[in-house]
């Protein structure tokens, strides 16, 4: 489930980047910049959750999620 969420976050970030480029070409400034900032934050979160720790496990592997 967590790999699905991380994959969805990356796909969303790519869509945000593509949409920002499209809007920048149409002459808008404020909204595309905010979209690029959001994409950078999402990519940063995925990187933080997926890089290995000192023990060799990623944070996503160590997290305990409810099974309900």
N, C-alpha and C. Protein backbone atom coordinates (compact mmCIF):
# COMPACT_ATOMS: atom_id res chain seq x y z
N UNK A 1 0.82 -1.20 0.00
CA UNK A 1 0.00 0.00 0.00
C UNK A 1 0.86 1.26 0.00
N UNK A 2 1.95 1.23 0.77
CA UNK A 2 2.78 2.44 0.84
C UNK A 2 3.52 2.69 -0.47
N UNK A 3 3.91 1.65 -1.17
CA UNK A 3 4.56 1.86 -2.47
C UNK A 3 3.57 2.47 -3.46
N UNK A 4 2.30 2.11 -3.33
CA UNK A 4 1.28 2.71 -4.18
C UNK A 4 1.16 4.21 -3.91
N UNK A 5 1.19 4.59 -2.65
CA UNK A 5 1.06 6.00 -2.27
C UNK A 5 2.28 6.78 -2.76
N UNK A 6 3.47 6.23 -2.60
CA UNK A 6 4.67 6.90 -3.08
C UNK A 6 4.67 7.03 -4.60
N UNK A 7 4.21 6.01 -5.29
CA UNK A 7 4.11 6.06 -6.75
C UNK A 7 3.09 7.10 -7.18
N UNK A 8 1.98 7.15 -6.49
CA UNK A 8 0.95 8.14 -6.81
C UNK A 8 1.46 9.56 -6.57
N UNK A 9 2.23 9.76 -5.52
CA UNK A 9 2.81 11.07 -5.24
C UNK A 9 3.77 11.49 -6.36
N UNK A 10 4.57 10.56 -6.85
CA UNK A 10 5.50 10.88 -7.94
C UNK A 10 4.76 11.19 -9.23
N UNK A 11 3.73 10.42 -9.54
CA UNK A 11 2.95 10.70 -10.74
C UNK A 11 2.25 12.05 -10.65
N UNK A 12 1.75 12.38 -9.47
CA UNK A 12 1.12 13.67 -9.27
C UNK A 12 2.13 14.80 -9.42
N UNK A 13 3.33 14.61 -8.90
CA UNK A 13 4.38 15.63 -9.04
C UNK A 13 4.73 15.84 -10.51
N UNK A 14 4.81 14.76 -11.27
CA UNK A 14 5.09 14.90 -12.70
C UNK A 14 3.97 15.63 -13.42
N UNK A 15 2.74 15.34 -13.06
CA UNK A 15 1.60 16.03 -13.66
C UNK A 15 1.62 17.52 -13.30
N UNK A 16 1.98 17.83 -12.06
CA UNK A 16 2.08 19.23 -11.65
C UNK A 16 3.16 19.96 -12.43
N UNK A 17 4.29 19.31 -12.64
CA UNK A 17 5.37 19.94 -13.40
C UNK A 17 4.94 20.18 -14.84
N UNK A 18 4.29 19.19 -15.45
CA UNK A 18 3.82 19.35 -16.83
C UNK A 18 2.78 20.46 -16.92
N UNK A 19 1.86 20.51 -15.97
CA UNK A 19 0.85 21.57 -15.96
C UNK A 19 1.46 22.94 -15.74
N UNK A 20 2.47 23.02 -14.90
CA UNK A 20 3.14 24.30 -14.66
C UNK A 20 3.85 24.80 -15.91
N UNK A 21 4.51 23.89 -16.61
CA UNK A 21 5.18 24.28 -17.86
C UNK A 21 4.15 24.77 -18.88
N UNK A 22 3.04 24.08 -18.98
CA UNK A 22 1.97 24.49 -19.90
C UNK A 22 1.46 25.89 -19.55
N UNK A 23 1.22 26.13 -18.26
CA UNK A 23 0.70 27.44 -17.85
C UNK A 23 1.74 28.54 -18.00
N UNK A 24 3.02 28.22 -17.77
CA UNK A 24 4.06 29.21 -17.98
C UNK A 24 4.14 29.65 -19.43
N UNK A 25 3.95 28.72 -20.34
CA UNK A 25 3.97 29.05 -21.77
C UNK A 25 2.78 29.90 -22.17
N UNK A 26 1.68 29.80 -21.42
CA UNK A 26 0.50 30.62 -21.72
C UNK A 26 0.58 32.00 -21.09
N UNK A 27 1.63 32.25 -20.30
CA UNK A 27 1.85 33.58 -19.76
C UNK A 27 1.49 33.77 -18.30
N UNK A 28 1.00 32.76 -17.64
CA UNK A 28 0.68 32.90 -16.23
C UNK A 28 1.96 32.77 -15.41
N UNK A 29 1.98 33.35 -14.22
CA UNK A 29 3.19 33.29 -13.40
C UNK A 29 2.94 32.72 -12.00
N UNK A 30 1.94 33.22 -11.29
CA UNK A 30 1.78 32.87 -9.89
C UNK A 30 1.40 31.39 -9.70
N UNK A 31 0.38 30.93 -10.38
CA UNK A 31 -0.08 29.56 -10.19
C UNK A 31 0.97 28.52 -10.61
N UNK A 32 1.66 28.68 -11.74
CA UNK A 32 2.68 27.68 -12.09
C UNK A 32 3.84 27.62 -11.09
N UNK A 33 4.21 28.75 -10.53
CA UNK A 33 5.29 28.74 -9.55
C UNK A 33 4.85 27.97 -8.31
N UNK A 34 3.61 28.18 -7.87
CA UNK A 34 3.09 27.44 -6.73
C UNK A 34 3.00 25.94 -7.03
N UNK A 35 2.64 25.60 -8.26
CA UNK A 35 2.58 24.19 -8.66
C UNK A 35 3.97 23.56 -8.62
N UNK A 36 4.99 24.30 -9.06
CA UNK A 36 6.35 23.78 -9.03
C UNK A 36 6.85 23.61 -7.60
N UNK A 37 6.48 24.54 -6.71
CA UNK A 37 6.85 24.41 -5.30
C UNK A 37 6.20 23.17 -4.69
N UNK A 38 4.92 22.96 -4.98
CA UNK A 38 4.23 21.78 -4.47
C UNK A 38 4.86 20.50 -5.00
N UNK A 39 5.23 20.48 -6.27
CA UNK A 39 5.87 19.29 -6.85
C UNK A 39 7.21 19.03 -6.16
N UNK A 40 7.97 20.08 -5.86
CA UNK A 40 9.25 19.90 -5.18
C UNK A 40 9.06 19.35 -3.77
N UNK A 41 8.04 19.83 -3.08
CA UNK A 41 7.75 19.33 -1.74
C UNK A 41 7.35 17.85 -1.79
N UNK A 42 6.52 17.48 -2.76
CA UNK A 42 6.10 16.08 -2.89
C UNK A 42 7.29 15.18 -3.20
N UNK A 43 8.14 15.60 -4.11
CA UNK A 43 9.32 14.81 -4.45
C UNK A 43 10.24 14.69 -3.24
N UNK A 44 10.39 15.77 -2.50
CA UNK A 44 11.20 15.73 -1.29
C UNK A 44 10.67 14.74 -0.27
N UNK A 45 9.35 14.71 -0.11
CA UNK A 45 8.74 13.75 0.82
C UNK A 45 9.00 12.31 0.38
N UNK A 46 8.88 12.04 -0.90
CA UNK A 46 9.12 10.68 -1.40
C UNK A 46 10.57 10.29 -1.16
N UNK A 47 11.49 11.24 -1.39
CA UNK A 47 12.91 10.95 -1.17
C UNK A 47 13.17 10.65 0.30
N UNK A 48 12.61 11.46 1.19
CA UNK A 48 12.81 11.25 2.62
C UNK A 48 12.29 9.88 3.05
N UNK A 49 11.14 9.49 2.54
CA UNK A 49 10.55 8.21 2.95
C UNK A 49 11.25 7.01 2.32
N UNK A 50 11.96 7.20 1.21
CA UNK A 50 12.50 6.03 0.52
C UNK A 50 14.02 5.86 0.66
N UNK A 51 14.76 6.87 1.14
CA UNK A 51 16.21 6.67 1.30
C UNK A 51 16.47 5.77 2.51
N UNK A 52 17.47 4.93 2.44
CA UNK A 52 17.73 4.02 3.56
C UNK A 52 18.35 4.74 4.76
N UNK A 53 18.05 4.23 5.93
CA UNK A 53 18.63 4.76 7.17
C UNK A 53 19.95 4.06 7.44
N UNK A 54 20.54 4.29 8.60
CA UNK A 54 21.81 3.65 8.94
C UNK A 54 21.68 2.13 9.01
N UNK A 55 20.49 1.66 9.39
CA UNK A 55 20.28 0.22 9.49
C UNK A 55 20.04 -0.45 8.15
N UNK A 56 19.89 0.33 7.09
CA UNK A 56 19.68 -0.23 5.76
C UNK A 56 18.23 -0.30 5.34
N UNK A 57 17.31 0.02 6.24
CA UNK A 57 15.89 0.00 5.90
C UNK A 57 15.39 1.41 5.62
N UNK A 58 14.44 1.53 4.72
CA UNK A 58 13.83 2.82 4.44
C UNK A 58 12.79 3.12 5.52
N UNK A 59 12.48 4.39 5.70
CA UNK A 59 11.49 4.78 6.70
C UNK A 59 10.12 4.16 6.42
N UNK A 60 9.81 4.01 5.15
CA UNK A 60 8.53 3.43 4.80
C UNK A 60 8.44 1.97 5.24
N UNK A 61 9.58 1.28 5.31
CA UNK A 61 9.60 -0.10 5.78
C UNK A 61 9.48 -0.18 7.30
N UNK A 62 9.92 0.84 8.00
CA UNK A 62 9.91 0.85 9.46
C UNK A 62 8.61 1.35 10.03
N UNK A 63 7.83 2.08 9.23
CA UNK A 63 6.60 2.68 9.73
C UNK A 63 5.57 1.59 10.03
N UNK A 64 4.86 1.78 11.12
CA UNK A 64 3.80 0.85 11.48
C UNK A 64 2.46 1.52 11.19
N UNK A 65 1.72 0.94 10.28
CA UNK A 65 0.44 1.48 9.87
C UNK A 65 -0.69 0.63 10.45
N UNK A 66 -1.81 1.25 10.76
CA UNK A 66 -2.95 0.47 11.30
C UNK A 66 -3.44 -0.53 10.26
N UNK A 67 -3.87 -1.68 10.74
CA UNK A 67 -4.34 -2.73 9.84
C UNK A 67 -5.85 -2.79 9.77
N UNK A 68 -6.52 -1.80 10.33
CA UNK A 68 -7.99 -1.78 10.31
C UNK A 68 -8.51 -1.58 8.92
